[in-house]
């Protein structure tokens, strides 16, 4: 049974005037956890919550059919300082490979998963890399690592890893985890969590005559994927908002805002090098006249290149257990390593 059946359907939120635009931001802020993170109260990290998530994630994984057949615990690293659906794709995908991933500091992790994570490891890192990328256009050597897949051509060049054939972000697999969704909105705006409430995005919302929904990236990966799938066009400042749209064949446009993300647009161009290398879809927000203009320039990724990347990611994923089997761990030991780091 598909896991997405247990998730609630996204609630439709339509935008027609400036007042609903503000309501969209307020609703997103209340349900994203941003108010907790910015108010100084107990946040997403901390040992108690980290331990609880490890136990909950492990218990959920143990019920998965692939894990039940041959459960394997592997110390893995993904970014979890702030809740963000793109960073939570790693544990979701690994369960299908029969792996219970235990969040572990990068230096001691047997596996580095989805995200801009390579800058977190040293040159002597000897674990396995699956689909990760660099955050910025800075050379980084990883000669001792077993590199099964990298996010894109730019990361491959900067890491000096011409032998790595599998290119693509594993987030491209999310389309296979959800059922076909009816289209409920003309436009889905997917802001990176640091861009929630941004004045330029608010202006864009206020200009819209279409039905618009704001997608909360601080939610479960499958819930976000279903929300995106229910949109006809995606406008995003979130990399994985773009990646999920591409996996679903939805026209998309990614925007550069004055408040730049770490590394600028490197990670977007890295992804585009795989799915649309000849004509990237990035645009400066100040050059976007209206929502209608943004929608008119949104484009789909190259379907054949997406399909090729998905195949390469799947093949490389099936190799994870073979190359990390000597790195397996026990649940109590993994929890202690994670929370005491």
Protein backbone atom coordinates (compact mmCIF):
# COMPACT_ATOMS: atom_id res chain seq x y z
CA UNK A 1 0.00 0.00 0.00
CA UNK A 2 1.42 3.39 -0.99
CA UNK A 3 2.52 5.44 2.07
CA UNK A 4 1.00 8.65 0.69
CA UNK A 5 -2.51 7.27 1.25
CA UNK A 6 -2.13 8.00 4.94
CA UNK A 7 -1.35 11.69 4.40
CA UNK A 8 -4.06 14.37 4.50
CA UNK A 9 -4.87 16.12 1.26
CA UNK A 10 -3.57 19.69 0.93
CA UNK A 11 -6.20 22.29 1.65
CA UNK A 12 -6.95 24.57 -1.29
CA UNK A 13 -5.96 28.19 -0.73
CA UNK A 14 -6.93 30.63 -3.46
CA UNK A 15 -5.53 34.08 -4.05
CA UNK A 16 -7.51 36.88 -5.66
CA UNK A 17 -6.65 40.12 -3.82
CA UNK A 18 -3.90 41.55 -1.63
CA UNK A 19 -5.67 40.44 1.53
CA UNK A 20 -5.62 36.71 0.61
CA UNK A 21 -1.91 37.07 -0.28
CA UNK A 22 -1.19 38.12 3.30
CA UNK A 23 -3.45 35.35 4.59
CA UNK A 24 -1.43 32.80 2.62
CA UNK A 25 1.79 33.91 4.34
CA UNK A 26 0.18 33.95 7.79
CA UNK A 27 -1.24 30.47 7.35
CA UNK A 28 2.08 29.11 6.11
CA UNK A 29 3.92 30.70 9.04
CA UNK A 30 1.55 29.15 11.57
CA UNK A 31 1.78 25.64 10.16
CA UNK A 32 5.46 25.53 9.15
CA UNK A 33 7.10 25.75 12.55
CA UNK A 34 8.76 29.06 11.63
CA UNK A 35 7.16 30.83 14.58
CA UNK A 36 8.71 28.32 16.96
CA UNK A 37 12.11 28.51 15.31
CA UNK A 38 12.22 32.29 15.47
CA UNK A 39 10.71 32.80 18.91
CA UNK A 40 13.43 31.15 20.97
CA UNK A 41 11.18 28.33 22.18
CA UNK A 42 12.00 24.65 21.84
CA UNK A 43 12.83 24.16 18.18
CA UNK A 44 13.42 21.38 15.73
CA UNK A 45 16.84 20.32 16.98
CA UNK A 46 17.92 19.47 20.52
CA UNK A 47 18.69 16.04 21.91
CA UNK A 48 15.20 15.15 23.10
CA UNK A 49 13.55 15.89 19.78
CA UNK A 50 16.40 14.39 17.78
CA UNK A 51 16.18 11.15 19.75
CA UNK A 52 12.40 11.08 19.39
CA UNK A 53 12.65 11.49 15.62
CA UNK A 54 15.26 8.72 15.36
CA UNK A 55 13.04 6.33 17.29
CA UNK A 56 9.90 7.31 15.39
CA UNK A 57 11.65 7.06 12.02
CA UNK A 58 13.16 3.68 12.91
CA UNK A 59 9.82 2.32 14.12
CA UNK A 60 8.12 3.48 10.93
CA UNK A 61 10.87 1.95 8.80
CA UNK A 62 10.53 -1.40 10.57
CA UNK A 63 6.98 -1.72 9.21
CA UNK A 64 8.12 -1.18 5.62
CA UNK A 65 8.03 -4.34 3.52
CA UNK A 66 11.54 -3.85 2.10
CA UNK A 67 12.98 -3.40 5.59
CA UNK A 68 11.10 -6.38 7.00
CA UNK A 69 12.69 -8.67 4.42
CA UNK A 70 16.25 -7.79 5.46
CA UNK A 71 16.56 -4.88 7.91
CA UNK A 72 19.88 -3.02 7.79
CA UNK A 73 20.80 -0.01 9.92
CA UNK A 74 23.22 2.44 8.33
CA UNK A 75 24.67 5.60 9.81
CA UNK A 76 23.72 8.30 7.31
CA UNK A 77 23.99 12.07 7.09
CA UNK A 78 21.42 14.50 5.80
CA UNK A 79 20.71 18.09 6.83
CA UNK A 80 18.23 18.37 9.69
CA UNK A 81 19.09 21.62 11.46
CA UNK A 82 15.84 23.08 10.12
CA UNK A 83 12.89 21.04 8.88
CA UNK A 84 12.85 21.15 5.09
CA UNK A 85 11.20 18.53 2.90
CA UNK A 86 14.11 18.30 0.45
CA UNK A 87 16.49 17.38 3.24
CA UNK A 88 14.11 14.67 4.49
CA UNK A 89 14.05 12.77 1.21
CA UNK A 90 17.03 10.61 2.21
CA UNK A 91 15.35 8.56 4.98
CA UNK A 92 12.20 8.20 2.87
CA UNK A 93 14.02 6.72 -0.12
CA UNK A 94 16.38 4.51 1.86
CA UNK A 95 13.47 2.62 3.45
CA UNK A 96 12.56 1.27 0.01
CA UNK A 97 16.08 -0.13 -0.24
CA UNK A 98 15.69 -2.06 3.01
CA UNK A 99 17.72 0.47 5.00
CA UNK A 100 16.92 2.07 8.35
CA UNK A 101 19.02 5.27 8.20
CA UNK A 102 20.29 6.69 11.47
CA UNK A 103 21.15 10.39 11.40
CA UNK A 104 24.87 10.66 12.15
CA UNK A 105 27.40 13.54 11.89
CA UNK A 106 28.91 13.71 8.41
CA UNK A 107 32.44 12.73 9.45
CA UNK A 108 31.23 9.44 10.94
CA UNK A 109 28.43 8.64 8.51
CA UNK A 110 28.71 5.62 6.24
CA UNK A 111 26.41 7.32 3.72
CA UNK A 112 25.92 10.92 2.58
CA UNK A 113 22.47 11.39 1.07
CA UNK A 114 20.35 13.98 -0.71
CA UNK A 115 21.23 17.68 -0.53
CA UNK A 116 24.11 20.14 -0.79
CA UNK A 117 26.23 18.16 1.65
CA UNK A 118 29.65 17.46 0.16
CA UNK A 119 31.16 20.56 1.75
CA UNK A 120 30.42 18.99 5.15
CA UNK A 121 32.93 16.17 4.64
CA UNK A 122 36.73 16.20 4.64
CA UNK A 123 38.96 15.17 1.77
CA UNK A 124 39.70 11.91 3.58
CA UNK A 125 36.04 10.89 3.91
CA UNK A 126 35.87 7.18 3.04
CA UNK A 127 32.12 6.55 3.13
CA UNK A 128 29.56 6.45 0.33
CA UNK A 129 27.95 9.38 -1.49
CA UNK A 130 24.57 8.96 -3.16
CA UNK A 131 23.14 11.90 -5.07
CA UNK A 132 24.64 14.70 -2.97
CA UNK A 133 25.98 17.94 -4.41
CA UNK A 134 28.07 20.95 -3.52
CA UNK A 135 26.54 24.15 -2.17
CA UNK A 136 28.80 26.48 -4.19
CA UNK A 137 31.13 26.57 -7.17
CA UNK A 138 34.21 25.61 -5.14
CA UNK A 139 36.56 22.71 -5.94
CA UNK A 140 36.41 19.81 -3.48
CA UNK A 141 38.28 16.53 -3.73
CA UNK A 142 36.77 13.31 -2.38
CA UNK A 143 39.28 10.68 -3.53
CA UNK A 144 38.61 8.17 -0.75
CA UNK A 145 34.82 8.21 -1.04
CA UNK A 146 32.76 5.62 -2.88
CA UNK A 147 30.71 7.92 -5.08
CA UNK A 148 27.66 6.15 -6.48
CA UNK A 149 25.89 9.26 -7.78
CA UNK A 150 26.23 13.04 -7.74
CA UNK A 151 23.52 15.68 -8.12
CA UNK A 152 24.83 17.23 -11.32
CA UNK A 153 27.55 17.93 -13.84
CA UNK A 154 28.81 21.02 -11.99
CA UNK A 155 29.36 19.04 -8.79
CA UNK A 156 31.09 16.28 -10.76
CA UNK A 157 33.46 18.82 -12.32
CA UNK A 158 34.27 20.55 -9.03
CA UNK A 159 34.88 17.21 -7.28
CA UNK A 160 37.13 15.96 -10.07
CA UNK A 161 35.03 12.81 -10.40
CA UNK A 162 34.72 12.12 -14.13
CA UNK A 163 34.30 8.41 -13.41
CA UNK A 164 30.91 8.97 -11.75
CA UNK A 165 28.30 8.15 -14.37
CA UNK A 166 25.09 8.45 -12.33
CA UNK A 167 23.99 12.08 -12.19
CA UNK A 168 20.76 13.40 -10.72
CA UNK A 169 19.12 14.33 -7.45
CA UNK A 170 17.34 11.33 -5.88
CA UNK A 171 14.41 13.68 -5.25
CA UNK A 172 13.47 12.95 -8.87
CA UNK A 173 12.14 9.62 -7.59
CA UNK A 174 9.36 11.25 -5.55
CA UNK A 175 6.90 11.16 -8.45
CA UNK A 176 6.80 7.37 -8.08
CA UNK A 177 5.71 7.65 -4.45
CA UNK A 178 2.43 9.46 -5.04
CA UNK A 179 -0.72 8.72 -6.99
CA UNK A 180 -1.93 10.89 -9.84
CA UNK A 181 -3.39 14.14 -8.48
CA UNK A 182 -6.24 16.21 -9.96
CA UNK A 183 -5.14 19.72 -10.84
CA UNK A 184 -6.57 22.09 -8.23
CA UNK A 185 -4.51 25.24 -8.72
CA UNK A 186 -3.17 27.13 -11.71
CA UNK A 187 0.04 28.05 -9.90
CA UNK A 188 1.98 26.63 -6.99
CA UNK A 189 4.43 29.04 -5.36
CA UNK A 190 7.16 27.11 -3.54
CA UNK A 191 9.24 29.51 -1.44
CA UNK A 192 12.37 28.38 0.34
CA UNK A 193 11.64 28.70 4.05
CA UNK A 194 13.90 31.78 4.30
CA UNK A 195 11.74 33.48 1.66
CA UNK A 196 8.38 33.08 3.40
CA UNK A 197 6.79 36.54 3.53
CA UNK A 198 9.34 38.02 1.10
CA UNK A 199 8.14 41.36 -0.28
CA UNK A 200 8.94 40.50 -3.90
CA UNK A 201 7.06 37.22 -3.66
CA UNK A 202 4.16 39.06 -2.02
CA UNK A 203 4.10 41.44 -4.99
CA UNK A 204 4.03 38.42 -7.29
CA UNK A 205 1.11 36.91 -5.38
CA UNK A 206 -0.80 40.18 -5.48
CA UNK A 207 -0.43 40.37 -9.26
CA UNK A 208 -2.03 36.98 -9.87
CA UNK A 209 -5.39 36.54 -11.55
CA UNK A 210 -5.01 32.74 -11.46
CA UNK A 211 -5.73 30.44 -8.55
CA UNK A 212 -2.54 30.23 -6.50
CA UNK A 213 -1.43 28.07 -3.59
CA UNK A 214 1.69 28.48 -1.46
CA UNK A 215 3.45 25.17 -0.82
CA UNK A 216 4.89 24.65 2.66
CA UNK A 217 8.40 23.20 2.26
CA UNK A 218 8.58 22.57 6.02
CA UNK A 219 6.31 19.58 5.70
CA UNK A 220 6.53 15.87 4.92
CA UNK A 221 8.14 15.12 1.52
CA UNK A 222 5.14 13.16 0.25
CA UNK A 223 2.68 15.83 1.35
CA UNK A 224 4.75 18.45 -0.47
CA UNK A 225 4.98 16.26 -3.58
CA UNK A 226 1.21 15.78 -3.64
CA UNK A 227 0.66 19.51 -3.21
CA UNK A 228 3.01 20.29 -6.11
CA UNK A 229 1.38 17.59 -8.25
CA UNK A 230 -1.97 19.36 -7.88
CA UNK A 231 -0.61 22.50 -9.60
CA UNK A 232 -0.43 23.27 -13.30
CA UNK A 233 2.71 25.42 -13.01
CA UNK A 234 5.36 25.76 -10.31
CA UNK A 235 7.20 28.98 -9.43
CA UNK A 236 9.89 28.27 -6.86
CA UNK A 237 12.87 29.49 -4.87
CA UNK A 238 13.27 26.00 -3.39
CA UNK A 239 15.56 23.64 -5.30
CA UNK A 240 13.51 20.58 -4.46
CA UNK A 241 10.35 22.42 -5.45
CA UNK A 242 11.92 22.54 -8.91
CA UNK A 243 13.13 18.93 -8.74
CA UNK A 244 9.72 17.56 -7.77
CA UNK A 245 8.04 19.60 -10.52
CA UNK A 246 10.53 18.15 -13.00
CA UNK A 247 9.87 14.62 -11.78
CA UNK A 248 6.16 15.20 -12.44
CA UNK A 249 6.59 16.88 -15.82
CA UNK A 250 5.17 20.20 -14.57
CA UNK A 251 6.33 23.49 -16.15
CA UNK A 252 8.50 25.36 -13.67
CA UNK A 253 10.48 28.54 -13.16
CA UNK A 254 13.03 29.17 -10.40
CA UNK A 255 13.58 32.66 -9.12
CA UNK A 256 16.60 34.54 -7.78
CA UNK A 257 15.69 36.90 -4.93
CA UNK A 258 17.72 39.73 -3.36
CA UNK A 259 18.04 37.54 -0.27
CA UNK A 260 20.24 34.94 -1.93
CA UNK A 261 20.52 31.38 -0.71
CA UNK A 262 23.86 30.03 0.43
CA UNK A 263 25.96 29.34 -2.65
CA UNK A 264 23.75 31.49 -4.87
CA UNK A 265 22.20 29.64 -7.78
CA UNK A 266 24.91 26.96 -8.06
CA UNK A 267 22.69 24.10 -6.90
CA UNK A 268 19.92 25.10 -9.32
CA UNK A 269 22.35 25.19 -12.24
CA UNK A 270 23.79 21.87 -11.06
CA UNK A 271 20.35 20.28 -11.31
CA UNK A 272 19.65 21.97 -14.64
CA UNK A 273 22.89 20.48 -16.03
CA UNK A 274 21.16 17.10 -15.78
CA UNK A 275 17.58 17.80 -16.86
CA UNK A 276 17.79 20.92 -19.06
CA UNK A 277 21.44 21.78 -19.76
CA UNK A 278 20.97 23.92 -22.85
CA UNK A 279 18.34 26.33 -21.50
CA UNK A 280 18.24 26.83 -17.71
CA UNK A 281 15.01 28.31 -16.34
CA UNK A 282 16.31 30.73 -13.71
CA UNK A 283 15.12 34.34 -13.61
CA UNK A 284 15.73 37.36 -11.41
CA UNK A 285 12.57 38.28 -9.50
CA UNK A 286 12.99 41.94 -10.48
CA UNK A 287 12.64 40.93 -14.12
CA UNK A 288 9.31 39.21 -13.50
CA UNK A 289 6.48 41.61 -14.30
CA UNK A 290 3.61 39.56 -12.90
CA UNK A 291 2.47 36.06 -12.07
CA UNK A 292 1.13 35.74 -15.60
CA UNK A 293 4.58 36.64 -16.92
CA UNK A 294 6.23 34.04 -14.65
CA UNK A 295 3.81 31.35 -15.82
CA UNK A 296 4.41 32.25 -19.47
CA UNK A 297 8.16 31.62 -19.21
CA UNK A 298 7.94 28.47 -17.07
CA UNK A 299 9.13 25.38 -18.90
CA UNK A 300 9.26 21.63 -18.39
CA UNK A 301 12.49 19.73 -17.97
CA UNK A 302 13.61 17.48 -20.81
CA UNK A 303 11.53 14.35 -20.24
CA UNK A 304 14.10 11.99 -21.75
CA UNK A 305 16.88 13.40 -19.61
CA UNK A 306 14.72 13.14 -16.49
CA UNK A 307 13.92 9.52 -17.32
CA UNK A 308 17.60 8.77 -17.89
CA UNK A 309 18.56 10.38 -14.57
CA UNK A 310 15.87 8.44 -12.71
CA UNK A 311 17.17 5.18 -14.15
CA UNK A 312 20.75 6.01 -13.16
CA UNK A 313 19.71 7.00 -9.64
CA UNK A 314 17.78 3.77 -9.18
CA UNK A 315 20.68 1.62 -10.38
CA UNK A 316 23.13 3.41 -8.12
CA UNK A 317 20.71 3.17 -5.18
CA UNK A 318 20.59 -0.60 -5.50
CA UNK A 319 24.35 -0.63 -4.90
CA UNK A 320 24.19 1.09 -1.51
CA UNK A 321 23.75 -2.06 0.55
CA UNK A 322 26.64 -3.80 -1.19
CA UNK A 323 29.15 -1.01 -0.63
CA UNK A 324 28.06 -0.13 2.92
CA UNK A 325 27.36 -3.58 4.37
CA UNK A 326 30.53 -3.48 6.47
CA UNK A 327 29.37 -0.14 7.90
CA UNK A 328 26.12 -1.35 9.49
CA UNK A 329 25.37 -0.40 13.08
CA UNK A 330 22.96 -1.13 15.93
CA UNK A 331 20.07 1.14 16.87
CA UNK A 332 21.23 1.95 20.46
CA UNK A 333 24.77 2.72 19.30
CA UNK A 334 23.50 4.86 16.42
CA UNK A 335 21.22 6.86 18.70
CA UNK A 336 24.05 7.56 21.12
CA UNK A 337 26.36 8.66 18.31
CA UNK A 338 23.70 10.97 16.92
CA UNK A 339 22.51 12.71 20.07
CA UNK A 340 25.91 12.94 21.79
CA UNK A 341 27.69 14.53 18.84
